[in-house]
PDB file of N, CA and C in Angstrom:
ATOM      1  N   MET A   1      62.932  16.312 -61.425  1.00  0.00           N
ATOM      2  CA  MET A   1      64.107  16.209 -60.846  1.00  0.00           C
ATOM      3  C   MET A   1      64.777  14.725 -61.074  1.00  0.00           C
ATOM      4  N   THR A   2      66.001  14.557 -61.589  1.00  0.00           N
ATOM      5  CA  THR A   2      66.486  13.235 -61.900  1.00  0.00           C
ATOM      6  C   THR A   2      66.915  12.647 -60.506  1.00  0.00           C
ATOM      7  N   ASN A   3      66.933  11.306 -60.525  1.00  0.00           N
ATOM      8  CA  ASN A   3      67.527  10.571 -59.418  1.00  0.00           C
ATOM      9  C   ASN A   3      69.029  10.386 -59.557  1.00  0.00           C
ATOM     10  N   ILE A   4      69.591  10.622 -60.819  1.00  0.00           N
ATOM     11  CA  ILE A   4      70.992  10.274 -60.769  1.00  0.00           C
ATOM     12  C   ILE A   4      71.882  11.597 -60.532  1.00  0.00           C
ATOM     13  N   ILE A   5      72.709  11.410 -59.833  1.00  0.00           N
ATOM     14  CA  ILE A   5      73.723  12.504 -59.307  1.00  0.00           C
ATOM     15  C   ILE A   5      75.010  12.226 -59.939  1.00  0.00           C
ATOM     16  N   LYS A   6      75.717  13.322 -60.518  1.00  0.00           N
ATOM     17  CA  LYS A   6      77.008  13.228 -60.956  1.00  0.00           C
ATOM     18  C   LYS A   6      77.824  13.767 -59.879  1.00  0.00           C
ATOM     19  N   MET A   7      78.965  12.978 -59.529  1.00  0.00           N
ATOM     20  CA  MET A   7      79.748  13.178 -58.445  1.00  0.00           C
ATOM     21  C   MET A   7      81.090  14.179 -58.914  1.00  0.00           C
ATOM     22  N   LYS A   8      81.927  14.555 -58.206  1.00  0.00           N
ATOM     23  CA  LYS A   8      82.998  15.471 -58.491  1.00  0.00           C
ATOM     24  C   LYS A   8      84.082  14.466 -59.335  1.00  0.00           C
ATOM     25  N   THR A   9      83.893  13.193 -59.094  1.00  0.00           N
ATOM     26  CA  THR A   9      84.850  12.277 -59.787  1.00  0.00           C
ATOM     27  C   THR A   9      84.496  11.957 -61.113  1.00  0.00           C
ATOM     28  N   GLY A  10      83.302  12.359 -61.616  1.00  0.00           N
ATOM     29  CA  GLY A  10      82.854  12.118 -62.761  1.00  0.00           C
ATOM     30  C   GLY A  10      81.882  10.770 -62.770  1.00  0.00           C
ATOM     31  N   ALA A  11      81.875  10.042 -61.709  1.00  0.00           N
ATOM     32  CA  ALA A  11      80.968   9.003 -61.624  1.00  0.00           C
ATOM     33  C   ALA A  11      79.499   9.379 -61.527  1.00  0.00           C
ATOM     34  N   TRP A  12      78.535   8.535 -61.974  1.00  0.00           N
ATOM     35  CA  TRP A  12      77.185   8.687 -61.675  1.00  0.00           C
ATOM     36  C   TRP A  12      76.542   7.807 -60.680  1.00  0.00           C
ATOM     37  N   ALA A  13      75.788   8.357 -59.881  1.00  0.00           N
ATOM     38  CA  ALA A  13      75.268   7.416 -58.671  1.00  0.00           C
ATOM     39  C   ALA A  13      73.726   7.653 -58.564  1.00  0.00           C
ATOM     40  N   ASN A  14      73.073   6.597 -58.400  1.00  0.00           N
ATOM     41  CA  ASN A  14      71.515   6.670 -58.227  1.00  0.00           C
ATOM     42  C   ASN A  14      71.265   6.314 -56.782  1.00  0.00           C
ATOM     43  N   PRO A  15      70.815   7.305 -55.876  1.00  0.00           N
ATOM     44  CA  PRO A  15      70.757   6.994 -54.488  1.00  0.00           C
ATOM     45  C   PRO A  15      69.643   5.998 -54.225  1.00  0.00           C
ATOM     46  N   LYS A  16      68.633   5.761 -55.034  1.00  0.00           N
ATOM     47  CA  LYS A  16      67.576   4.969 -54.906  1.00  0.00           C
ATOM     48  C   LYS A  16      68.098   3.420 -55.036  1.00  0.00           C
ATOM     49  N   ILE A  17      68.878   3.152 -55.912  1.00  0.00           N
ATOM     50  CA  ILE A  17      69.476   1.868 -56.137  1.00  0.00           C
ATOM     51  C   ILE A  17      70.515   1.596 -55.136  1.00  0.00           C
ATOM     52  N   ILE A  18      71.228   2.514 -54.608  1.00  0.00           N
ATOM     53  CA  ILE A  18      72.176   2.437 -53.527  1.00  0.00           C
ATOM     54  C   ILE A  18      71.356   1.923 -52.280  1.00  0.00           C
ATOM     55  N   ALA A  19      70.213   2.611 -51.984  1.00  0.00           N
ATOM     56  CA  ALA A  19      69.461   2.408 -50.848  1.00  0.00           C
ATOM     57  C   ALA A  19      68.794   0.930 -50.824  1.00  0.00           C
ATOM     58  N   LYS A  20      68.348   0.500 -51.969  1.00  0.00           N
ATOM     59  CA  LYS A  20      67.707  -0.649 -52.114  1.00  0.00           C
ATOM     60  C   LYS A  20      68.711  -1.744 -51.962  1.00  0.00           C
ATOM     61  N   GLY A  21      69.999  -1.592 -52.394  1.00  0.00           N
ATOM     62  CA  GLY A  21      71.019  -2.591 -52.173  1.00  0.00           C
ATOM     63  C   GLY A  21      71.468  -2.696 -50.731  1.00  0.00           C
ATOM     64  N   ASN A  22      71.152  -1.691 -49.926  1.00  0.00           N
ATOM     65  CA  ASN A  22      71.635  -1.832 -48.628  1.00  0.00           C
ATOM     66  C   ASN A  22      70.515  -2.381 -47.549  1.00  0.00           C
ATOM     67  N   VAL A  23      69.360  -2.709 -48.078  1.00  0.00           N
ATOM     68  CA  VAL A  23      68.159  -3.102 -47.289  1.00  0.00           C
ATOM     69  C   VAL A  23      67.811  -4.516 -47.903  1.00  0.00           C
ATOM     70  N   SER A  24      67.816  -5.573 -46.962  1.00  0.00           N
ATOM     71  CA  SER A  24      67.658  -6.984 -47.424  1.00  0.00           C
ATOM     72  C   SER A  24      65.979  -7.181 -47.606  1.00  0.00           C
ATOM     73  N   SER A  25      65.671  -8.134 -48.248  1.00  0.00           N
ATOM     74  CA  SER A  25      64.236  -8.649 -48.286  1.00  0.00           C
ATOM     75  C   SER A  25      63.630  -9.047 -47.035  1.00  0.00           C
ATOM     76  N   VAL A  26      62.447  -9.098 -47.014  1.00  0.00           N
ATOM     77  CA  VAL A  26      61.645  -9.466 -45.919  1.00  0.00           C
ATOM     78  C   VAL A  26      61.576 -11.039 -45.925  1.00  0.00           C
ATOM     79  N   LYS A  27      62.161 -11.634 -44.578  1.00  0.00           N
ATOM     80  CA  LYS A  27      62.194 -13.103 -44.458  1.00  0.00           C
ATOM     81  C   LYS A  27      61.477 -13.362 -43.251  1.00  0.00           C
ATOM     82  N   LYS A  28      60.724 -14.693 -43.355  1.00  0.00           N
ATOM     83  CA  LYS A  28      60.183 -15.093 -42.085  1.00  0.00           C
ATOM     84  C   LYS A  28      61.079 -15.979 -41.401  1.00  0.00           C
ATOM     85  N   MET A  29      61.288 -15.653 -40.092  1.00  0.00           N
ATOM     86  CA  MET A  29      62.117 -16.292 -39.119  1.00  0.00           C
ATOM     87  C   MET A  29      61.287 -16.613 -37.923  1.00  0.00           C
ATOM     88  N   GLY A  30      60.770 -17.791 -37.747  1.00  0.00           N
ATOM     89  CA  GLY A  30      59.895 -18.190 -36.591  1.00  0.00           C
ATOM     90  C   GLY A  30      58.693 -17.553 -36.771  1.00  0.00           C
ATOM     91  N   ALA A  31      58.303 -16.778 -35.756  1.00  0.00           N
ATOM     92  CA  ALA A  31      57.078 -16.058 -35.725  1.00  0.00           C
ATOM     93  C   ALA A  31      57.104 -14.760 -36.305  1.00  0.00           C
ATOM     94  N   PHE A  32      58.159 -14.352 -36.731  1.00  0.00           N
ATOM     95  CA  PHE A  32      58.447 -13.016 -37.018  1.00  0.00           C
ATOM     96  C   PHE A  32      58.952 -12.735 -38.627  1.00  0.00           C
ATOM     97  N   TYR A  33      58.618 -11.516 -39.145  1.00  0.00           N
ATOM     98  CA  TYR A  33      59.057 -11.139 -40.469  1.00  0.00           C
ATOM     99  C   TYR A  33      60.361 -10.365 -40.240  1.00  0.00           C
ATOM    100  N   VAL A  34      61.357 -10.463 -40.818  1.00  0.00           N
ATOM    101  CA  VAL A  34      62.664  -9.583 -40.143  1.00  0.00           C
ATOM    102  C   VAL A  34      63.272  -9.117 -41.776  1.00  0.00           C
ATOM    103  N   PHE A  35      63.797  -7.979 -41.727  1.00  0.00           N
ATOM    104  CA  PHE A  35      64.802  -7.439 -42.644  1.00  0.00           C
ATOM    105  C   PHE A  35      65.882  -6.731 -41.986  1.00  0.00           C
ATOM    106  N   THR A  36      66.942  -6.500 -42.635  1.00  0.00           N
ATOM    107  CA  THR A  36      68.169  -5.844 -42.021  1.00  0.00           C
ATOM    108  C   THR A  36      68.381  -4.699 -42.997  1.00  0.00           C
ATOM    109  N   ILE A  37      69.100  -3.555 -42.402  1.00  0.00           N
ATOM    110  CA  ILE A  37      69.560  -2.476 -43.052  1.00  0.00           C
ATOM    111  C   ILE A  37      71.087  -2.296 -42.711  1.00  0.00           C
ATOM    112  N   LYS A  38      71.804  -2.151 -43.812  1.00  0.00           N
ATOM    113  CA  LYS A  38      73.264  -1.999 -43.682  1.00  0.00           C
ATOM    114  C   LYS A  38      73.541  -0.451 -43.729  1.00  0.00           C
ATOM    115  N   LEU A  39      73.720   0.473 -42.673  1.00  0.00           N
ATOM    116  CA  LEU A  39      73.976   1.718 -42.867  1.00  0.00           C
ATOM    117  C   LEU A  39      75.546   2.082 -43.240  1.00  0.00           C
ATOM    118  N   ASP A  40      76.378   1.266 -42.616  1.00  0.00           N
ATOM    119  CA  ASP A  40      77.893   1.310 -43.118  1.00  0.00           C
ATOM    120  C   ASP A  40      78.404  -0.132 -42.684  1.00  0.00           C
ATOM    121  N   SER A  41      79.835  -0.313 -42.777  1.00  0.00           N
ATOM    122  CA  SER A  41      80.280  -1.607 -42.650  1.00  0.00           C
ATOM    123  C   SER A  41      80.243  -2.067 -41.202  1.00  0.00           C
ATOM    124  N   ASN A  42      79.973  -1.163 -40.137  1.00  0.00           N
ATOM    125  CA  ASN A  42      80.034  -1.594 -38.758  1.00  0.00           C
ATOM    126  C   ASN A  42      78.640  -1.441 -38.157  1.00  0.00           C
ATOM    127  N   ASP A  43      77.708  -0.908 -38.988  1.00  0.00           N
ATOM    128  CA  ASP A  43      76.182  -0.717 -38.414  1.00  0.00           C
ATOM    129  C   ASP A  43      75.115  -1.298 -39.242  1.00  0.00           C
ATOM    130  N   ILE A  44      74.972  -2.446 -38.716  1.00  0.00           N
ATOM    131  CA  ILE A  44      73.925  -3.479 -39.377  1.00  0.00           C
ATOM    132  C   ILE A  44      72.692  -3.446 -38.434  1.00  0.00           C
ATOM    133  N   ARG A  45      71.622  -3.119 -38.788  1.00  0.00           N
ATOM    134  CA  ARG A  45      70.307  -3.261 -37.910  1.00  0.00           C
ATOM    135  C   ARG A  45      69.314  -4.119 -38.438  1.00  0.00           C
ATOM    136  N   GLU A  46      68.601  -4.779 -37.484  1.00  0.00           N
ATOM    137  CA  GLU A  46      67.688  -5.793 -37.949  1.00  0.00           C
ATOM    138  C   GLU A  46      66.350  -5.290 -37.352  1.00  0.00           C
ATOM    139  N   TYR A  47      65.285  -5.390 -38.087  1.00  0.00           N
ATOM    140  CA  TYR A  47      63.997  -4.937 -37.655  1.00  0.00           C
ATOM    141  C   TYR A  47      63.125  -6.296 -37.696  1.00  0.00           C
ATOM    142  N   SER A  48      62.201  -6.538 -36.880  1.00  0.00           N
ATOM    143  CA  SER A  48      61.373  -7.569 -36.852  1.00  0.00           C
ATOM    144  C   SER A  48      59.804  -7.291 -36.538  1.00  0.00           C
ATOM    145  N   PHE A  49      58.957  -7.829 -37.306  1.00  0.00           N
ATOM    146  CA  PHE A  49      57.586  -7.434 -37.306  1.00  0.00           C
ATOM    147  C   PHE A  49      56.622  -8.767 -37.266  1.00  0.00           C
ATOM    148  N   THR A  50      55.422  -8.586 -36.621  1.00  0.00           N
ATOM    149  CA  THR A  50      54.660  -9.704 -36.501  1.00  0.00           C
ATOM    150  C   THR A  50      53.842 -10.077 -37.821  1.00  0.00           C
ATOM    151  N   SER A  51      53.659  -9.269 -38.622  1.00  0.00           N
ATOM    152  CA  SER A  51      52.930  -9.365 -39.915  1.00  0.00           C
ATOM    153  C   SER A  51      53.781  -8.935 -41.068  1.00  0.00           C
ATOM    154  N   SER A  52      53.596  -9.595 -42.274  1.00  0.00           N
ATOM    155  CA  SER A  52      54.487  -9.259 -43.339  1.00  0.00           C
ATOM    156  C   SER A  52      53.976  -8.052 -44.007  1.00  0.00           C
ATOM    157  N   ASN A  53      52.756  -7.649 -43.773  1.00  0.00           N
ATOM    158  CA  ASN A  53      52.420  -6.302 -44.413  1.00  0.00           C
ATOM    159  C   ASN A  53      53.034  -5.113 -43.727  1.00  0.00           C
ATOM    160  N   LYS A  54      53.209  -5.336 -42.419  1.00  0.00           N
ATOM    161  CA  LYS A  54      53.855  -4.289 -41.678  1.00  0.00           C
ATOM    162  C   LYS A  54      55.355  -4.177 -41.911  1.00  0.00           C
ATOM    163  N   ALA A  55      55.866  -5.398 -42.111  1.00  0.00           N
ATOM    164  CA  ALA A  55      57.266  -5.517 -42.404  1.00  0.00           C
ATOM    165  C   ALA A  55      57.597  -4.851 -43.767  1.00  0.00           C
ATOM    166  N   GLU A  56      56.792  -5.117 -44.769  1.00  0.00           N
ATOM    167  CA  GLU A  56      57.164  -4.728 -46.159  1.00  0.00           C
ATOM    168  C   GLU A  56      56.756  -3.232 -46.113  1.00  0.00           C
ATOM    169  N   HIS A  57      55.866  -2.569 -45.514  1.00  0.00           N
ATOM    170  CA  HIS A  57      55.485  -1.191 -45.497  1.00  0.00           C
ATOM    171  C   HIS A  57      56.782  -0.377 -44.793  1.00  0.00           C
ATOM    172  N   MET A  58      57.209  -1.067 -43.613  1.00  0.00           N
ATOM    173  CA  MET A  58      58.444  -0.397 -42.878  1.00  0.00           C
ATOM    174  C   MET A  58      59.520  -0.385 -43.860  1.00  0.00           C
ATOM    175  N   ARG A  59      59.886  -1.427 -44.479  1.00  0.00           N
ATOM    176  CA  ARG A  59      61.025  -1.689 -45.415  1.00  0.00           C
ATOM    177  C   ARG A  59      60.858  -0.468 -46.591  1.00  0.00           C
ATOM    178  N   LYS A  60      59.701  -0.252 -47.095  1.00  0.00           N
ATOM    179  CA  LYS A  60      59.590   0.790 -48.027  1.00  0.00           C
ATOM    180  C   LYS A  60      60.053   2.126 -47.634  1.00  0.00           C
ATOM    181  N   ILE A  61      59.544   2.477 -46.229  1.00  0.00           N
ATOM    182  CA  ILE A  61      59.970   3.732 -45.705  1.00  0.00           C
ATOM    183  C   ILE A  61      61.372   3.842 -45.406  1.00  0.00           C
ATOM    184  N   MET A  62      61.929   2.851 -44.842  1.00  0.00           N
ATOM    185  CA  MET A  62      63.370   2.773 -44.670  1.00  0.00           C
ATOM    186  C   MET A  62      64.204   3.103 -45.810  1.00  0.00           C
ATOM    187  N   ILE A  63      63.841   2.397 -46.911  1.00  0.00           N
ATOM    188  CA  ILE A  63      64.597   2.655 -48.100  1.00  0.00           C
ATOM    189  C   ILE A  63      64.356   4.076 -48.545  1.00  0.00           C
ATOM    190  N   GLY A  64      63.184   4.684 -48.277  1.00  0.00           N
ATOM    191  CA  GLY A  64      63.061   6.118 -48.643  1.00  0.00           C
ATOM    192  C   GLY A  64      64.146   6.995 -47.869  1.00  0.00           C
ATOM    193  N   HIS A  65      64.028   6.621 -46.475  1.00  0.00           N
ATOM    194  CA  HIS A  65      65.043   7.436 -45.738  1.00  0.00           C
ATOM    195  C   HIS A  65      66.496   7.161 -46.061  1.00  0.00           C
ATOM    196  N   LEU A  66      66.852   6.028 -46.324  1.00  0.00           N
ATOM    197  CA  LEU A  66      68.215   5.761 -46.844  1.00  0.00           C
ATOM    198  C   LEU A  66      68.393   6.532 -48.027  1.00  0.00           C
ATOM    199  N   GLU A  67      67.524   6.681 -49.070  1.00  0.00           N
ATOM    200  CA  GLU A  67      67.594   7.272 -50.208  1.00  0.00           C
ATOM    201  C   GLU A  67      68.093   8.767 -49.914  1.00  0.00           C
ATOM    202  N   GLU A  68      67.306   9.434 -49.063  1.00  0.00           N
ATOM    203  CA  GLU A  68      67.526  10.841 -48.682  1.00  0.00           C
ATOM    204  C   GLU A  68      69.058  11.021 -47.981  1.00  0.00           C
ATOM    205  N   LYS A  69      69.366   9.970 -47.328  1.00  0.00           N
ATOM    206  CA  LYS A  69      70.752  10.043 -46.570  1.00  0.00           C
ATOM    207  C   LYS A  69      71.738   9.982 -47.689  1.00  0.00           C
ATOM    208  N   PHE A  70      71.789   9.023 -48.541  1.00  0.00           N
ATOM    209  CA  PHE A  70      72.632   8.776 -49.672  1.00  0.00           C
ATOM    210  C   PHE A  70      72.634  10.014 -50.637  1.00  0.00           C
ATOM    211  N   ARG A  71      71.414  10.530 -50.836  1.00  0.00           N
ATOM    212  CA  ARG A  71      71.386  11.819 -51.780  1.00  0.00           C
ATOM    213  C   ARG A  71      72.059  12.958 -51.158  1.00  0.00           C
ATOM    214  N   LYS A  72      72.000  13.259 -49.900  1.00  0.00           N
ATOM    215  CA  LYS A  72      72.800  14.160 -49.070  1.00  0.00           C
ATOM    216  C   LYS A  72      74.234  13.946 -49.181  1.00  0.00           C
ATOM    217  N   GLU A  73      74.675  12.692 -48.931  1.00  0.00           N
ATOM    218  CA  GLU A  73      76.005  12.428 -48.961  1.00  0.00           C
ATOM    219  C   GLU A  73      76.724  12.432 -50.330  1.00  0.00           C
ATOM    220  N   LEU A  74      75.922  12.048 -51.478  1.00  0.00           N
ATOM    221  CA  LEU A  74      76.569  12.110 -52.638  1.00  0.00           C
ATOM    222  C   LEU A  74      76.507  13.622 -53.040  1.00  0.00           C
ATOM    223  N   LYS A  75      75.742  14.563 -52.755  1.00  0.00           N
ATOM    224  CA  LYS A  75      75.853  15.867 -53.104  1.00  0.00           C
ATOM    225  C   LYS A  75      76.972  16.575 -52.406  1.00  0.00           C
ATOM    226  N   SER A  76      77.384  16.009 -51.266  1.00  0.00           N
ATOM    227  CA  SER A  76      78.600  16.593 -50.602  1.00  0.00           C
ATOM    228  C   SER A  76      79.884  16.263 -51.312  1.00  0.00           C
ATOM    229  N   TYR A  77      79.853  15.115 -52.204  1.00  0.00           N
ATOM    230  CA  TYR A  77      80.996  14.645 -53.008  1.00  0.00           C
ATOM    231  C   TYR A  77      80.969  15.494 -54.264  1.00  0.00           C
ATOM    232  N   LYS A  78      80.043  16.262 -54.760  1.00  0.00           N
ATOM    233  CA  LYS A  78      79.919  17.000 -55.888  1.00  0.00           C
ATOM    234  C   LYS A  78      81.123  18.041 -56.076  1.00  0.00           C
TER     235      LYS A  78
END
């Protein structure tokens, strides 16, 4: 199955790239490792962890969840 979806407008979209663009990289802030997720223009969430491994692992999981969300949304625009 291909990751690229063709929408009704004729534009092609890759949900994985869109999801990665909405999740920041992990940054160390004080004693915590933090990343943010932008779900829409009014909904930005911040997650913090005590270890960089936990933060990186959760970031990958969240990218997967966002990819599925965008895949469903893009399919509705077909």
